[in-house]
Amino acid sequence: MGLTGDWGHVGSVISWNYTHDGKKKVAKEVVEAIDEENKSVTFKVIDGDLTELYKAFKGTVHVDTKGENNLVTLSMRRRARMLKIQIR
């Protein structure tokens, strides 16, 4: 993982390394919003393997707390790129 800016601040850029279907991948995202009261963080992917598949890819991580229990929800919004297909 790489970081540009301050962790936990809007505008921070985070680079992730991950594996999908046995292949090493990378994603770079920017933190767009942090809502401490509602315990959520919104990010946008700006570079990496996901940008080859999607024009836009945004996610929100939200935490619901009830007593000692925490439920973490990850919501993703994405817009796919148009695929060029040749028909013969």
N, C-alpha and C. Protein backbone atom coordinates (compact mmCIF):
# COMPACT_ATOMS: atom_id res chain seq x y z
N MET A 1 0.85 -1.17 0.00
CA MET A 1 0.00 0.00 0.00
C MET A 1 0.89 1.23 0.00
N GLY A 2 0.54 2.21 -0.79
CA GLY A 2 1.25 3.48 -0.82
C GLY A 2 0.28 4.61 -0.48
N LEU A 3 0.83 5.72 0.00
CA LEU A 3 -0.02 6.83 0.42
C LEU A 3 0.62 8.15 0.05
N THR A 4 -0.18 9.05 -0.54
CA THR A 4 0.22 10.42 -0.77
C THR A 4 -0.75 11.30 -0.02
N GLY A 5 -0.25 12.19 0.81
CA GLY A 5 -1.11 13.00 1.66
C GLY A 5 -1.19 12.39 3.04
N ASP A 6 -2.11 12.87 3.84
CA ASP A 6 -2.26 12.39 5.21
C ASP A 6 -3.38 11.37 5.29
N TRP A 7 -3.09 10.22 5.90
CA TRP A 7 -4.09 9.18 6.08
C TRP A 7 -5.29 9.76 6.84
N GLY A 8 -6.48 9.46 6.35
CA GLY A 8 -7.68 9.91 7.03
C GLY A 8 -8.11 11.32 6.68
N HIS A 9 -7.58 11.85 5.57
CA HIS A 9 -7.96 13.20 5.15
C HIS A 9 -8.45 13.19 3.71
N VAL A 10 -9.42 14.05 3.43
CA VAL A 10 -9.92 14.20 2.06
C VAL A 10 -8.77 14.63 1.17
N GLY A 11 -8.67 14.04 -0.01
CA GLY A 11 -7.61 14.35 -0.95
C GLY A 11 -6.44 13.38 -0.89
N SER A 12 -6.38 12.55 0.15
CA SER A 12 -5.31 11.55 0.24
C SER A 12 -5.43 10.57 -0.92
N VAL A 13 -4.30 10.17 -1.48
CA VAL A 13 -4.27 9.19 -2.57
C VAL A 13 -3.64 7.91 -2.03
N ILE A 14 -4.35 6.80 -2.20
CA ILE A 14 -3.91 5.52 -1.66
C ILE A 14 -3.76 4.54 -2.81
N SER A 15 -2.63 3.84 -2.84
CA SER A 15 -2.38 2.80 -3.84
C SER A 15 -2.51 1.44 -3.17
N TRP A 16 -3.26 0.55 -3.81
CA TRP A 16 -3.48 -0.80 -3.28
C TRP A 16 -2.94 -1.83 -4.24
N ASN A 17 -2.33 -2.87 -3.71
CA ASN A 17 -1.96 -4.05 -4.47
C ASN A 17 -2.88 -5.17 -4.02
N TYR A 18 -3.44 -5.90 -4.98
CA TYR A 18 -4.35 -7.00 -4.65
C TYR A 18 -4.24 -8.08 -5.70
N THR A 19 -4.84 -9.22 -5.43
CA THR A 19 -4.82 -10.35 -6.37
C THR A 19 -6.25 -10.69 -6.75
N HIS A 20 -6.49 -10.84 -8.06
CA HIS A 20 -7.81 -11.22 -8.57
C HIS A 20 -7.62 -12.34 -9.58
N ASP A 21 -8.32 -13.45 -9.37
CA ASP A 21 -8.18 -14.62 -10.24
C ASP A 21 -6.73 -15.03 -10.42
N GLY A 22 -5.95 -14.95 -9.34
CA GLY A 22 -4.56 -15.37 -9.36
C GLY A 22 -3.60 -14.38 -10.00
N LYS A 23 -4.09 -13.22 -10.43
CA LYS A 23 -3.24 -12.22 -11.08
C LYS A 23 -3.06 -11.02 -10.17
N LYS A 24 -1.84 -10.52 -10.10
CA LYS A 24 -1.56 -9.33 -9.28
C LYS A 24 -2.12 -8.10 -9.98
N LYS A 25 -2.81 -7.27 -9.21
CA LYS A 25 -3.45 -6.06 -9.73
C LYS A 25 -3.08 -4.88 -8.83
N VAL A 26 -3.38 -3.68 -9.34
CA VAL A 26 -3.13 -2.46 -8.56
C VAL A 26 -4.29 -1.50 -8.76
N ALA A 27 -4.58 -0.72 -7.74
CA ALA A 27 -5.61 0.32 -7.82
C ALA A 27 -5.11 1.55 -7.08
N LYS A 28 -5.41 2.71 -7.61
CA LYS A 28 -5.08 3.97 -6.95
C LYS A 28 -6.38 4.73 -6.76
N GLU A 29 -6.63 5.17 -5.53
CA GLU A 29 -7.88 5.87 -5.24
C GLU A 29 -7.61 7.15 -4.48
N VAL A 30 -8.54 8.08 -4.58
CA VAL A 30 -8.47 9.34 -3.84
C VAL A 30 -9.66 9.39 -2.89
N VAL A 31 -9.42 9.81 -1.66
CA VAL A 31 -10.48 9.96 -0.68
C VAL A 31 -11.25 11.24 -1.01
N GLU A 32 -12.55 11.09 -1.31
CA GLU A 32 -13.38 12.24 -1.69
C GLU A 32 -14.13 12.86 -0.52
N ALA A 33 -14.54 12.03 0.43
CA ALA A 33 -15.33 12.55 1.55
C ALA A 33 -15.15 11.66 2.77
N ILE A 34 -15.14 12.31 3.93
CA ILE A 34 -15.12 11.60 5.21
C ILE A 34 -16.21 12.20 6.08
N ASP A 35 -17.12 11.35 6.53
CA ASP A 35 -18.22 11.78 7.39
C ASP A 35 -18.06 11.06 8.73
N GLU A 36 -17.40 11.72 9.67
CA GLU A 36 -17.13 11.09 10.96
C GLU A 36 -18.40 10.84 11.75
N GLU A 37 -19.37 11.74 11.66
CA GLU A 37 -20.62 11.58 12.40
C GLU A 37 -21.37 10.32 11.96
N ASN A 38 -21.42 10.09 10.64
CA ASN A 38 -22.12 8.92 10.09
C ASN A 38 -21.19 7.74 9.84
N LYS A 39 -19.92 7.89 10.20
CA LYS A 39 -18.91 6.82 10.08
C LYS A 39 -18.83 6.28 8.66
N SER A 40 -18.54 7.17 7.70
CA SER A 40 -18.41 6.73 6.31
C SER A 40 -17.26 7.45 5.62
N VAL A 41 -16.70 6.75 4.63
CA VAL A 41 -15.63 7.29 3.79
C VAL A 41 -16.00 6.98 2.35
N THR A 42 -15.89 7.99 1.47
CA THR A 42 -16.16 7.82 0.05
C THR A 42 -14.87 8.01 -0.72
N PHE A 43 -14.62 7.10 -1.66
CA PHE A 43 -13.39 7.18 -2.46
C PHE A 43 -13.71 6.99 -3.94
N LYS A 44 -12.77 7.42 -4.80
CA LYS A 44 -12.91 7.26 -6.25
C LYS A 44 -11.61 6.66 -6.78
N VAL A 45 -11.72 5.62 -7.60
CA VAL A 45 -10.56 5.01 -8.24
C VAL A 45 -10.11 5.93 -9.37
N ILE A 46 -8.81 6.27 -9.37
CA ILE A 46 -8.29 7.21 -10.36
C ILE A 46 -7.25 6.60 -11.29
N ASP A 47 -6.76 5.39 -10.97
CA ASP A 47 -5.74 4.76 -11.80
C ASP A 47 -5.67 3.28 -11.45
N GLY A 48 -5.08 2.50 -12.34
CA GLY A 48 -4.89 1.09 -12.08
C GLY A 48 -5.74 0.21 -12.97
N ASP A 49 -5.77 -1.08 -12.63
CA ASP A 49 -6.44 -2.08 -13.45
C ASP A 49 -7.95 -1.83 -13.59
N LEU A 50 -8.60 -1.32 -12.57
CA LEU A 50 -10.04 -1.09 -12.65
C LEU A 50 -10.40 -0.03 -13.70
N THR A 51 -9.49 0.90 -13.98
CA THR A 51 -9.79 1.94 -14.96
C THR A 51 -9.80 1.38 -16.39
N GLU A 52 -9.28 0.18 -16.58
CA GLU A 52 -9.35 -0.45 -17.90
C GLU A 52 -10.76 -0.99 -18.17
N LEU A 53 -11.47 -1.33 -17.10
CA LEU A 53 -12.82 -1.89 -17.22
C LEU A 53 -13.92 -0.86 -17.04
N TYR A 54 -13.65 0.16 -16.23
CA TYR A 54 -14.70 1.11 -15.85
C TYR A 54 -14.29 2.55 -16.15
N LYS A 55 -15.24 3.33 -16.67
CA LYS A 55 -15.03 4.77 -16.84
C LYS A 55 -15.00 5.45 -15.49
N ALA A 56 -15.86 4.98 -14.58
CA ALA A 56 -15.93 5.56 -13.24
C ALA A 56 -16.16 4.44 -12.25
N PHE A 57 -15.50 4.56 -11.10
CA PHE A 57 -15.64 3.56 -10.04
C PHE A 57 -15.52 4.28 -8.71
N LYS A 58 -16.62 4.33 -7.96
CA LYS A 58 -16.65 4.98 -6.65
C LYS A 58 -17.13 3.99 -5.61
N GLY A 59 -16.67 4.18 -4.40
CA GLY A 59 -17.09 3.31 -3.32
C GLY A 59 -17.29 4.09 -2.04
N THR A 60 -18.13 3.55 -1.17
CA THR A 60 -18.36 4.12 0.15
C THR A 60 -18.28 3.00 1.17
N VAL A 61 -17.50 3.23 2.22
CA VAL A 61 -17.42 2.30 3.34
C VAL A 61 -18.17 2.96 4.49
N HIS A 62 -19.11 2.22 5.07
CA HIS A 62 -19.94 2.75 6.15
C HIS A 62 -19.95 1.76 7.31
N VAL A 63 -19.88 2.27 8.54
CA VAL A 63 -19.90 1.42 9.73
C VAL A 63 -21.13 1.75 10.56
N ASP A 64 -21.92 0.71 10.87
CA ASP A 64 -23.03 0.82 11.81
C ASP A 64 -22.59 0.17 13.11
N THR A 65 -22.75 0.88 14.23
CA THR A 65 -22.34 0.36 15.53
C THR A 65 -23.56 0.21 16.42
N LYS A 66 -23.70 -0.98 17.00
CA LYS A 66 -24.76 -1.25 17.97
C LYS A 66 -24.10 -1.95 19.15
N GLY A 67 -23.92 -1.20 20.25
CA GLY A 67 -23.21 -1.76 21.40
C GLY A 67 -21.78 -2.06 21.03
N GLU A 68 -21.39 -3.32 21.22
CA GLU A 68 -20.02 -3.73 20.88
C GLU A 68 -19.91 -4.29 19.47
N ASN A 69 -21.02 -4.35 18.75
CA ASN A 69 -21.03 -4.92 17.41
C ASN A 69 -20.90 -3.83 16.35
N ASN A 70 -20.12 -4.12 15.32
CA ASN A 70 -19.93 -3.22 14.18
C ASN A 70 -20.26 -3.96 12.90
N LEU A 71 -21.05 -3.33 12.05
CA LEU A 71 -21.37 -3.87 10.74
C LEU A 71 -20.78 -2.92 9.70
N VAL A 72 -19.89 -3.44 8.86
CA VAL A 72 -19.24 -2.64 7.83
C VAL A 72 -19.89 -2.97 6.48
N THR A 73 -20.32 -1.92 5.77
CA THR A 73 -20.94 -2.07 4.46
C THR A 73 -20.09 -1.35 3.43
N LEU A 74 -19.79 -2.04 2.33
CA LEU A 74 -19.07 -1.44 1.21
C LEU A 74 -20.04 -1.35 0.05
N SER A 75 -20.32 -0.14 -0.41
CA SER A 75 -21.19 0.09 -1.57
C SER A 75 -20.32 0.58 -2.71
N MET A 76 -20.56 0.04 -3.91
CA MET A 76 -19.77 0.45 -5.08
C MET A 76 -20.68 0.89 -6.20
N ARG A 77 -20.28 1.97 -6.86
CA ARG A 77 -20.97 2.47 -8.05
C ARG A 77 -19.94 2.48 -9.17
N ARG A 78 -20.31 1.91 -10.29
CA ARG A 78 -19.36 1.86 -11.40
C ARG A 78 -20.08 2.06 -12.72
N ARG A 79 -19.33 2.60 -13.68
CA ARG A 79 -19.85 2.80 -15.04
C ARG A 79 -18.88 2.11 -15.98
N ALA A 80 -19.35 1.07 -16.67
CA ALA A 80 -18.49 0.26 -17.53
C ALA A 80 -18.11 1.00 -18.80
N ARG A 81 -16.97 0.65 -19.33
CA ARG A 81 -16.54 1.15 -20.63
C ARG A 81 -17.27 0.39 -21.71
N MET A 82 -17.47 1.02 -22.85
CA MET A 82 -18.08 0.35 -23.99
C MET A 82 -17.03 -0.58 -24.60
N LEU A 83 -17.43 -1.79 -24.88
CA LEU A 83 -16.53 -2.75 -25.51
C LEU A 83 -16.72 -2.67 -27.02
N LYS A 84 -15.62 -2.69 -27.74
CA LYS A 84 -15.69 -2.70 -29.20
C LYS A 84 -15.63 -4.16 -29.65
N ILE A 85 -16.68 -4.59 -30.33
CA ILE A 85 -16.78 -5.98 -30.77
C ILE A 85 -16.91 -5.97 -32.28
N GLN A 86 -16.07 -6.78 -32.92
CA GLN A 86 -16.15 -6.93 -34.37
C GLN A 86 -17.06 -8.11 -34.69
N ILE A 87 -17.99 -7.88 -35.59
CA ILE A 87 -18.89 -8.93 -36.03
C ILE A 87 -18.51 -9.27 -37.46
N ARG A 88 -18.32 -10.54 -37.70
CA ARG A 88 -17.92 -10.97 -39.04
C ARG A 88 -19.04 -11.67 -39.74
